[in-house]
Amino acid sequence: MAGVTPTPYQSGESAREQGITKAGNRHVRWMTTELAWSWLRYQPESVLSCWLRERCGSGGKRLRRLGIVAVARKLLMALWRCLTSGVLPERAVLKEA
């Protein structure tokens, strides 16, 4: 539904990634990327935030945009896991009400 799955291209011996699919709902894709930016801001010590800093630390604007889509996809899976089994994303900090 979200449309943030990779799109592989394979022809003969060549194989490469073409980015994410645009098959899902564009509003859900937009919301997950906004959620990912907020996650980076409010959960800076989580495993996902550290992963992005290691991967795209000194990269430019394009690399950060590609990385945030990857974080959005990973975050969507982590939040689904939280809803179904109650397992929080690693090193995520919950705030008290």
PDB file of N, CA and C in Angstrom:
ATOM      1  N   MET A   1       0.805  -1.197   0.000  1.00  0.00           N
ATOM      2  CA  MET A   1       0.000   0.000   0.000  1.00  0.00           C
ATOM      3  C   MET A   1       0.853   1.268   0.000  1.00  0.00           C
ATOM      4  N   ALA A   2       1.981   1.229   0.675  1.00  0.00           N
ATOM      5  CA  ALA A   2       2.802   2.429   0.773  1.00  0.00           C
ATOM      6  C   ALA A   2       3.624   2.670  -0.490  1.00  0.00           C
ATOM      7  N   GLY A   3       3.979   1.622  -1.203  1.00  0.00           N
ATOM      8  CA  GLY A   3       4.749   1.791  -2.435  1.00  0.00           C
ATOM      9  C   GLY A   3       6.192   2.187  -2.210  1.00  0.00           C
ATOM     10  N   VAL A   4       6.796   1.738  -1.131  1.00  0.00           N
ATOM     11  CA  VAL A   4       8.205   2.041  -0.885  1.00  0.00           C
ATOM     12  C   VAL A   4       9.041   0.770  -0.972  1.00  0.00           C
ATOM     13  N   THR A   5       8.738  -0.056  -1.947  1.00  0.00           N
ATOM     14  CA  THR A   5       9.507  -1.274  -2.160  1.00  0.00           C
ATOM     15  C   THR A   5      10.482  -1.043  -3.310  1.00  0.00           C
ATOM     16  N   PRO A   6      11.629  -1.696  -3.285  1.00  0.00           N
ATOM     17  CA  PRO A   6      12.606  -1.497  -4.351  1.00  0.00           C
ATOM     18  C   PRO A   6      12.125  -2.059  -5.684  1.00  0.00           C
ATOM     19  N   THR A   7      12.613  -1.465  -6.765  1.00  0.00           N
ATOM     20  CA  THR A   7      12.263  -1.909  -8.106  1.00  0.00           C
ATOM     21  C   THR A   7      13.524  -2.417  -8.796  1.00  0.00           C
ATOM     22  N   PRO A   8      13.745  -3.719  -8.813  1.00  0.00           N
ATOM     23  CA  PRO A   8      14.937  -4.245  -9.476  1.00  0.00           C
ATOM     24  C   PRO A   8      14.740  -4.318 -10.983  1.00  0.00           C
ATOM     25  N   TYR A   9      15.825  -4.178 -11.711  1.00  0.00           N
ATOM     26  CA  TYR A   9      15.819  -4.343 -13.161  1.00  0.00           C
ATOM     27  C   TYR A   9      16.846  -5.409 -13.496  1.00  0.00           C
ATOM     28  N   GLN A  10      16.416  -6.457 -14.200  1.00  0.00           N
ATOM     29  CA  GLN A  10      17.331  -7.523 -14.590  1.00  0.00           C
ATOM     30  C   GLN A  10      17.125  -7.841 -16.059  1.00  0.00           C
ATOM     31  N   SER A  11      18.216  -7.817 -16.784  1.00  0.00           N
ATOM     32  CA  SER A  11      18.181  -8.155 -18.196  1.00  0.00           C
ATOM     33  C   SER A  11      19.482  -8.869 -18.535  1.00  0.00           C
ATOM     34  N   GLY A  12      19.383 -10.145 -18.794  1.00  0.00           N
ATOM     35  CA  GLY A  12      20.599 -10.906 -19.082  1.00  0.00           C
ATOM     36  C   GLY A  12      21.492 -10.952 -17.866  1.00  0.00           C
ATOM     37  N   GLU A  13      22.705 -10.454 -18.022  1.00  0.00           N
ATOM     38  CA  GLU A  13      23.652 -10.467 -16.919  1.00  0.00           C
ATOM     39  C   GLU A  13      23.661  -9.171 -16.121  1.00  0.00           C
ATOM     40  N   SER A  14      22.993  -8.136 -16.613  1.00  0.00           N
ATOM     41  CA  SER A  14      22.975  -6.880 -15.870  1.00  0.00           C
ATOM     42  C   SER A  14      21.798  -6.864 -14.901  1.00  0.00           C
ATOM     43  N   ALA A  15      22.069  -6.355 -13.717  1.00  0.00           N
ATOM     44  CA  ALA A  15      21.040  -6.233 -12.689  1.00  0.00           C
ATOM     45  C   ALA A  15      21.323  -4.965 -11.894  1.00  0.00           C
ATOM     46  N   ARG A  16      20.284  -4.131 -11.691  1.00  0.00           N
ATOM     47  CA  ARG A  16      20.460  -2.909 -10.908  1.00  0.00           C
ATOM     48  C   ARG A  16      19.132  -2.498 -10.299  1.00  0.00           C
ATOM     49  N   GLU A  17      19.216  -1.607  -9.345  1.00  0.00           N
ATOM     50  CA  GLU A  17      18.020  -1.083  -8.679  1.00  0.00           C
ATOM     51  C   GLU A  17      17.581   0.193  -9.387  1.00  0.00           C
ATOM     52  N   GLN A  18      16.273   0.375  -9.521  1.00  0.00           N
ATOM     53  CA  GLN A  18      15.751   1.561 -10.182  1.00  0.00           C
ATOM     54  C   GLN A  18      15.064   2.510  -9.215  1.00  0.00           C
ATOM     55  N   GLY A  19      15.216   2.309  -7.939  1.00  0.00           N
ATOM     56  CA  GLY A  19      14.567   3.165  -6.960  1.00  0.00           C
ATOM     57  C   GLY A  19      13.352   2.479  -6.358  1.00  0.00           C
ATOM     58  N   ILE A  20      12.421   3.273  -5.860  1.00  0.00           N
ATOM     59  CA  ILE A  20      11.224   2.705  -5.248  1.00  0.00           C
ATOM     60  C   ILE A  20      10.075   2.709  -6.247  1.00  0.00           C
ATOM     61  N   THR A  21       9.113   1.852  -5.994  1.00  0.00           N
ATOM     62  CA  THR A  21       7.943   1.807  -6.862  1.00  0.00           C
ATOM     63  C   THR A  21       7.040   2.986  -6.541  1.00  0.00           C
ATOM     64  N   LYS A  22       6.263   3.369  -7.502  1.00  0.00           N
ATOM     65  CA  LYS A  22       5.278   4.430  -7.289  1.00  0.00           C
ATOM     66  C   LYS A  22       3.873   3.834  -7.309  1.00  0.00           C
ATOM     67  N   ALA A  23       3.776   2.545  -7.012  1.00  0.00           N
ATOM     68  CA  ALA A  23       2.509   1.829  -7.108  1.00  0.00           C
ATOM     69  C   ALA A  23       1.577   2.124  -5.937  1.00  0.00           C
ATOM     70  N   GLY A  24       2.096   2.548  -4.821  1.00  0.00           N
ATOM     71  CA  GLY A  24       1.267   2.763  -3.647  1.00  0.00           C
ATOM     72  C   GLY A  24       0.601   4.126  -3.638  1.00  0.00           C
ATOM     73  N   ASN A  25      -0.074   4.404  -2.571  1.00  0.00           N
ATOM     74  CA  ASN A  25      -0.760   5.662  -2.370  1.00  0.00           C
ATOM     75  C   ASN A  25       0.260   6.777  -2.152  1.00  0.00           C
ATOM     76  N   ARG A  26       0.192   7.842  -2.927  1.00  0.00           N
ATOM     77  CA  ARG A  26       1.192   8.911  -2.825  1.00  0.00           C
ATOM     78  C   ARG A  26       1.090   9.651  -1.503  1.00  0.00           C
ATOM     79  N   HIS A  27      -0.101   9.720  -0.927  1.00  0.00           N
ATOM     80  CA  HIS A  27      -0.258  10.384   0.362  1.00  0.00           C
ATOM     81  C   HIS A  27       0.398   9.573   1.480  1.00  0.00           C
ATOM     82  N   VAL A  28       0.309   8.266   1.390  1.00  0.00           N
ATOM     83  CA  VAL A  28       0.960   7.402   2.380  1.00  0.00           C
ATOM     84  C   VAL A  28       2.473   7.511   2.229  1.00  0.00           C
ATOM     85  N   ARG A  29       2.978   7.541   0.979  1.00  0.00           N
ATOM     86  CA  ARG A  29       4.414   7.711   0.755  1.00  0.00           C
ATOM     87  C   ARG A  29       4.903   9.030   1.322  1.00  0.00           C
ATOM     88  N   TRP A  30       4.151  10.093   1.094  1.00  0.00           N
ATOM     89  CA  TRP A  30       4.523  11.409   1.612  1.00  0.00           C
ATOM     90  C   TRP A  30       4.544  11.384   3.137  1.00  0.00           C
ATOM     91  N   MET A  31       3.506  10.799   3.730  1.00  0.00           N
ATOM     92  CA  MET A  31       3.403  10.767   5.192  1.00  0.00           C
ATOM     93  C   MET A  31       4.533   9.942   5.810  1.00  0.00           C
ATOM     94  N   THR A  32       4.919   8.851   5.175  1.00  0.00           N
ATOM     95  CA  THR A  32       6.001   8.038   5.747  1.00  0.00           C
ATOM     96  C   THR A  32       7.342   8.764   5.665  1.00  0.00           C
ATOM     97  N   THR A  33       7.571   9.538   4.616  1.00  0.00           N
ATOM     98  CA  THR A  33       8.828  10.296   4.558  1.00  0.00           C
ATOM     99  C   THR A  33       8.825  11.415   5.599  1.00  0.00           C
ATOM    100  N   GLU A  34       7.686  12.061   5.801  1.00  0.00           N
ATOM    101  CA  GLU A  34       7.601  13.082   6.856  1.00  0.00           C
ATOM    102  C   GLU A  34       7.805  12.457   8.231  1.00  0.00           C
ATOM    103  N   LEU A  35       7.230  11.276   8.424  1.00  0.00           N
ATOM    104  CA  LEU A  35       7.415  10.552   9.675  1.00  0.00           C
ATOM    105  C   LEU A  35       8.890  10.196   9.884  1.00  0.00           C
ATOM    106  N   ALA A  36       9.561   9.826   8.806  1.00  0.00           N
ATOM    107  CA  ALA A  36      10.981   9.481   8.902  1.00  0.00           C
ATOM    108  C   ALA A  36      11.814  10.700   9.285  1.00  0.00           C
ATOM    109  N   TRP A  37      11.514  11.874   8.701  1.00  0.00           N
ATOM    110  CA  TRP A  37      12.242  13.096   9.088  1.00  0.00           C
ATOM    111  C   TRP A  37      12.010  13.408  10.564  1.00  0.00           C
ATOM    112  N   SER A  38      10.770  13.254  11.021  1.00  0.00           N
ATOM    113  CA  SER A  38      10.467  13.500  12.434  1.00  0.00           C
ATOM    114  C   SER A  38      11.161  12.477  13.330  1.00  0.00           C
ATOM    115  N   TRP A  39      11.227  11.241  12.870  1.00  0.00           N
ATOM    116  CA  TRP A  39      11.917  10.198  13.633  1.00  0.00           C
ATOM    117  C   TRP A  39      13.383  10.566  13.831  1.00  0.00           C
ATOM    118  N   LEU A  40      14.020  11.054  12.784  1.00  0.00           N
ATOM    119  CA  LEU A  40      15.425  11.441  12.894  1.00  0.00           C
ATOM    120  C   LEU A  40      15.602  12.595  13.878  1.00  0.00           C
ATOM    121  N   ARG A  41      14.639  13.488  13.901  1.00  0.00           N
ATOM    122  CA  ARG A  41      14.741  14.649  14.785  1.00  0.00           C
ATOM    123  C   ARG A  41      14.496  14.280  16.248  1.00  0.00           C
ATOM    124  N   TYR A  42      13.470  13.475  16.512  1.00  0.00           N
ATOM    125  CA  TYR A  42      13.077  13.198  17.886  1.00  0.00           C
ATOM    126  C   TYR A  42      13.622  11.889  18.454  1.00  0.00           C
ATOM    127  N   GLN A  43      14.188  11.037  17.620  1.00  0.00           N
ATOM    128  CA  GLN A  43      14.798   9.785  18.074  1.00  0.00           C
ATOM    129  C   GLN A  43      16.231   9.688  17.539  1.00  0.00           C
ATOM    130  N   PRO A  44      17.095  10.633  17.881  1.00  0.00           N
ATOM    131  CA  PRO A  44      18.435  10.656  17.285  1.00  0.00           C
ATOM    132  C   PRO A  44      19.330   9.484  17.687  1.00  0.00           C
ATOM    133  N   GLU A  45      19.027   8.824  18.789  1.00  0.00           N
ATOM    134  CA  GLU A  45      19.869   7.723  19.253  1.00  0.00           C
ATOM    135  C   GLU A  45      19.336   6.348  18.861  1.00  0.00           C
ATOM    136  N   SER A  46      18.261   6.301  18.113  1.00  0.00           N
ATOM    137  CA  SER A  46      17.714   4.999  17.711  1.00  0.00           C
ATOM    138  C   SER A  46      18.623   4.352  16.674  1.00  0.00           C
ATOM    139  N   VAL A  47      18.437   3.070  16.484  1.00  0.00           N
ATOM    140  CA  VAL A  47      19.259   2.319  15.532  1.00  0.00           C
ATOM    141  C   VAL A  47      19.046   2.841  14.104  1.00  0.00           C
ATOM    142  N   LEU A  48      17.811   3.185  13.774  1.00  0.00           N
ATOM    143  CA  LEU A  48      17.531   3.702  12.422  1.00  0.00           C
ATOM    144  C   LEU A  48      18.247   5.021  12.167  1.00  0.00           C
ATOM    145  N   SER A  49      18.229   5.909  13.135  1.00  0.00           N
ATOM    146  CA  SER A  49      18.908   7.203  12.973  1.00  0.00           C
ATOM    147  C   SER A  49      20.414   7.017  12.859  1.00  0.00           C
ATOM    148  N   CYS A  50      20.961   6.136  13.683  1.00  0.00           N
ATOM    149  CA  CYS A  50      22.409   5.864  13.607  1.00  0.00           C
ATOM    150  C   CYS A  50      22.771   5.227  12.279  1.00  0.00           C
ATOM    151  N   TRP A  51      21.917   4.346  11.781  1.00  0.00           N
ATOM    152  CA  TRP A  51      22.157   3.694  10.487  1.00  0.00           C
ATOM    153  C   TRP A  51      22.242   4.736   9.371  1.00  0.00           C
ATOM    154  N   LEU A  52      21.324   5.701   9.385  1.00  0.00           N
ATOM    155  CA  LEU A  52      21.335   6.730   8.347  1.00  0.00           C
ATOM    156  C   LEU A  52      22.564   7.619   8.468  1.00  0.00           C
ATOM    157  N   ARG A  53      22.949   7.977   9.691  1.00  0.00           N
ATOM    158  CA  ARG A  53      24.144   8.809   9.867  1.00  0.00           C
ATOM    159  C   ARG A  53      25.398   8.090   9.374  1.00  0.00           C
ATOM    160  N   GLU A  54      25.492   6.780   9.635  1.00  0.00           N
ATOM    161  CA  GLU A  54      26.647   6.021   9.160  1.00  0.00           C
ATOM    162  C   GLU A  54      26.657   5.940   7.641  1.00  0.00           C
ATOM    163  N   ARG A  55      25.494   5.740   7.066  1.00  0.00           N
ATOM    164  CA  ARG A  55      25.370   5.547   5.628  1.00  0.00           C
ATOM    165  C   ARG A  55      25.536   6.834   4.836  1.00  0.00           C
ATOM    166  N   CYS A  56      24.888   7.906   5.292  1.00  0.00           N
ATOM    167  CA  CYS A  56      24.817   9.150   4.511  1.00  0.00           C
ATOM    168  C   CYS A  56      25.381  10.331   5.277  1.00  0.00           C
ATOM    169  N   GLY A  57      26.260  10.098   6.225  1.00  0.00           N
ATOM    170  CA  GLY A  57      26.749  11.146   7.109  1.00  0.00           C
ATOM    171  C   GLY A  57      27.240  12.403   6.433  1.00  0.00           C
ATOM    172  N   SER A  58      28.172  12.299   5.536  1.00  0.00           N
ATOM    173  CA  SER A  58      28.738  13.491   4.897  1.00  0.00           C
ATOM    174  C   SER A  58      28.263  13.641   3.459  1.00  0.00           C
ATOM    175  N   GLY A  59      27.212  12.951   3.108  1.00  0.00           N
ATOM    176  CA  GLY A  59      26.692  13.017   1.746  1.00  0.00           C
ATOM    177  C   GLY A  59      25.936  14.303   1.483  1.00  0.00           C
ATOM    178  N   GLY A  60      25.639  14.521   0.239  1.00  0.00           N
ATOM    179  CA  GLY A  60      24.924  15.721  -0.156  1.00  0.00           C
ATOM    180  C   GLY A  60      23.418  15.567  -0.030  1.00  0.00           C
ATOM    181  N   LYS A  61      22.716  16.516  -0.612  1.00  0.00           N
ATOM    182  CA  LYS A  61      21.260  16.564  -0.534  1.00  0.00           C
ATOM    183  C   LYS A  61      20.606  15.351  -1.180  1.00  0.00           C
ATOM    184  N   ARG A  62      21.120  14.934  -2.328  1.00  0.00           N
ATOM    185  CA  ARG A  62      20.538  13.781  -3.034  1.00  0.00           C
ATOM    186  C   ARG A  62      20.685  12.501  -2.216  1.00  0.00           C
ATOM    187  N   LEU A  63      21.842  12.299  -1.630  1.00  0.00           N
ATOM    188  CA  LEU A  63      22.078  11.105  -0.822  1.00  0.00           C
ATOM    189  C   LEU A  63      21.180  11.085   0.416  1.00  0.00           C
ATOM    190  N   ARG A  64      20.962  12.252   1.017  1.00  0.00           N
ATOM    191  CA  ARG A  64      20.056  12.321   2.173  1.00  0.00           C
ATOM    192  C   ARG A  64      18.625  12.000   1.773  1.00  0.00           C
ATOM    193  N   ARG A  65      18.195  12.464   0.599  1.00  0.00           N
ATOM    194  CA  ARG A  65      16.833  12.160   0.139  1.00  0.00           C
ATOM    195  C   ARG A  65      16.665  10.676  -0.130  1.00  0.00           C
ATOM    196  N   LEU A  66      17.672  10.051  -0.721  1.00  0.00           N
ATOM    197  CA  LEU A  66      17.609   8.609  -0.935  1.00  0.00           C
ATOM    198  C   LEU A  66      17.615   7.863   0.389  1.00  0.00           C
ATOM    199  N   GLY A  67      18.417   8.332   1.317  1.00  0.00           N
ATOM    200  CA  GLY A  67      18.499   7.691   2.623  1.00  0.00           C
ATOM    201  C   GLY A  67      17.214   7.817   3.421  1.00  0.00           C
ATOM    202  N   ILE A  68      16.537   8.949   3.303  1.00  0.00           N
ATOM    203  CA  ILE A  68      15.313   9.128   4.084  1.00  0.00           C
ATOM    204  C   ILE A  68      14.215   8.200   3.597  1.00  0.00           C
ATOM    205  N   VAL A  69      14.207   7.868   2.316  1.00  0.00           N
ATOM    206  CA  VAL A  69      13.231   6.904   1.796  1.00  0.00           C
ATOM    207  C   VAL A  69      13.530   5.523   2.371  1.00  0.00           C
ATOM    208  N   ALA A  70      14.810   5.195   2.475  1.00  0.00           N
ATOM    209  CA  ALA A  70      15.186   3.915   3.073  1.00  0.00           C
ATOM    210  C   ALA A  70      14.781   3.874   4.542  1.00  0.00           C
ATOM    211  N   VAL A  71      14.985   4.976   5.253  1.00  0.00           N
ATOM    212  CA  VAL A  71      14.572   5.038   6.664  1.00  0.00           C
ATOM    213  C   VAL A  71      13.059   4.940   6.776  1.00  0.00           C
ATOM    214  N   ALA A  72      12.333   5.583   5.853  1.00  0.00           N
ATOM    215  CA  ALA A  72      10.869   5.522   5.870  1.00  0.00           C
ATOM    216  C   ALA A  72      10.399   4.085   5.709  1.00  0.00           C
ATOM    217  N   ARG A  73      11.022   3.360   4.811  1.00  0.00           N
ATOM    218  CA  ARG A  73      10.648   1.960   4.594  1.00  0.00           C
ATOM    219  C   ARG A  73      10.950   1.110   5.822  1.00  0.00           C
ATOM    220  N   LYS A  74      12.142   1.283   6.392  1.00  0.00           N
ATOM    221  CA  LYS A  74      12.520   0.525   7.586  1.00  0.00           C
ATOM    222  C   LYS A  74      11.637   0.902   8.780  1.00  0.00           C
ATOM    223  N   LEU A  75      11.295   2.184   8.891  1.00  0.00           N
ATOM    224  CA  LEU A  75      10.457   2.640   9.988  1.00  0.00           C
ATOM    225  C   LEU A  75       9.040   2.098   9.859  1.00  0.00           C
ATOM    226  N   LEU A  76       8.537   2.049   8.642  1.00  0.00           N
ATOM    227  CA  LEU A  76       7.205   1.488   8.417  1.00  0.00           C
ATOM    228  C   LEU A  76       7.155   0.031   8.853  1.00  0.00           C
ATOM    229  N   MET A  77       8.193  -0.723   8.516  1.00  0.00           N
ATOM    230  CA  MET A  77       8.251  -2.126   8.937  1.00  0.00           C
ATOM    231  C   MET A  77       8.391  -2.245  10.455  1.00  0.00           C
ATOM    232  N   ALA A  78       9.203  -1.373  11.069  1.00  0.00           N
ATOM    233  CA  ALA A  78       9.397  -1.422  12.519  1.00  0.00           C
ATOM    234  C   ALA A  78       8.113  -1.057  13.259  1.00  0.00           C
ATOM    235  N   LEU A  79       7.372  -0.081  12.756  1.00  0.00           N
ATOM    236  CA  LEU A  79       6.124   0.300  13.410  1.00  0.00           C
ATOM    237  C   LEU A  79       5.055  -0.772  13.231  1.00  0.00           C
ATOM    238  N   TRP A  80       5.060  -1.439  12.080  1.00  0.00           N
ATOM    239  CA  TRP A  80       4.132  -2.557  11.886  1.00  0.00           C
ATOM    240  C   TRP A  80       4.450  -3.673  12.879  1.00  0.00           C
ATOM    241  N   ARG A  81       5.728  -3.949  13.069  1.00  0.00           N
ATOM    242  CA  ARG A  81       6.155  -4.961  14.027  1.00  0.00           C
ATOM    243  C   ARG A  81       5.731  -4.560  15.442  1.00  0.00           C
ATOM    244  N   CYS A  82       5.793  -3.259  15.731  1.00  0.00           N
ATOM    245  CA  CYS A  82       5.368  -2.773  17.045  1.00  0.00           C
ATOM    246  C   CYS A  82       3.872  -2.971  17.247  1.00  0.00           C
ATOM    247  N   LEU A  83       3.091  -2.725  16.214  1.00  0.00           N
ATOM    248  CA  LEU A  83       1.641  -2.896  16.331  1.00  0.00           C
ATOM    249  C   LEU A  83       1.232  -4.357  16.452  1.00  0.00           C
ATOM    250  N   THR A  84       1.893  -5.227  15.707  1.00  0.00           N
ATOM    251  CA  THR A  84       1.484  -6.631  15.698  1.00  0.00           C
ATOM    252  C   THR A  84       2.038  -7.430  16.868  1.00  0.00           C
ATOM    253  N   SER A  85       3.291  -7.176  17.240  1.00  0.00           N
ATOM    254  CA  SER A  85       3.885  -8.000  18.300  1.00  0.00           C
ATOM    255  C   SER A  85       4.309  -7.210  19.532  1.00  0.00           C
ATOM    256  N   GLY A  86       4.218  -5.890  19.495  1.00  0.00           N
ATOM    257  CA  GLY A  86       4.572  -5.081  20.655  1.00  0.00           C
ATOM    258  C   GLY A  86       6.049  -4.825  20.829  1.00  0.00           C
ATOM    259  N   VAL A  87       6.853  -5.139  19.823  1.00  0.00           N
ATOM    260  CA  VAL A  87       8.296  -4.942  19.907  1.00  0.00           C
ATOM    261  C   VAL A  87       8.633  -3.545  19.384  1.00  0.00           C
ATOM    262  N   LEU A  88       9.212  -2.709  20.259  1.00  0.00           N
ATOM    263  CA  LEU A  88       9.585  -1.357  19.861  1.00  0.00           C
ATOM    264  C   LEU A  88      10.848  -1.383  19.006  1.00  0.00           C
ATOM    265  N   PRO A  89      11.033  -0.373  18.137  1.00  0.00           N
ATOM    266  CA  PRO A  89      12.302  -0.268  17.407  1.00  0.00           C
ATOM    267  C   PRO A  89      13.461  -0.131  18.396  1.00  0.00           C
ATOM    268  N   GLU A  90      14.603  -0.658  18.027  1.00  0.00           N
ATOM    269  CA  GLU A  90      15.753  -0.682  18.938  1.00  0.00           C
ATOM    270  C   GLU A  90      16.182   0.718  19.334  1.00  0.00           C
ATOM    271  N   ARG A  91      16.440   0.896  20.619  1.00  0.00           N
ATOM    272  CA  ARG A  91      16.883   2.137  21.248  1.00  0.00           C
ATOM    273  C   ARG A  91      15.929   3.305  21.036  1.00  0.00           C
ATOM    274  N   ALA A  92      14.659   3.015  20.807  1.00  0.00           N
ATOM    275  CA  ALA A  92      13.660   4.073  20.728  1.00  0.00           C
ATOM    276  C   ALA A  92      13.270   4.481  22.135  1.00  0.00           C
ATOM    277  N   VAL A  93      13.113   5.754  22.348  1.00  0.00           N
ATOM    278  CA  VAL A  93      12.784   6.271  23.678  1.00  0.00           C
ATOM    279  C   VAL A  93      11.339   6.763  23.661  1.00  0.00           C
ATOM    280  N   LEU A  94      10.531   6.236  24.587  1.00  0.00           N
ATOM    281  CA  LEU A  94       9.145   6.669  24.725  1.00  0.00           C
ATOM    282  C   LEU A  94       9.073   7.831  25.709  1.00  0.00           C
ATOM    283  N   LYS A  95       8.251   8.812  25.377  1.00  0.00           N
ATOM    284  CA  LYS A  95       8.069   9.942  26.277  1.00  0.00           C
ATOM    285  C   LYS A  95       6.867   9.675  27.166  1.00  0.00           C
ATOM    286  N   GLU A  96       6.945  10.169  28.389  1.00  0.00           N
ATOM    287  CA  GLU A  96       5.842  10.001  29.326  1.00  0.00           C
ATOM    288  C   GLU A  96       4.753  11.011  29.010  1.00  0.00           C
ATOM    289  N   ALA A  97       3.514  10.636  29.262  1.00  0.00           N
ATOM    290  CA  ALA A  97       2.372  11.515  28.974  1.00  0.00           C
ATOM    291  C   ALA A  97       2.299  12.658  29.953  1.00  0.00           C
TER     292      ALA A  97
END
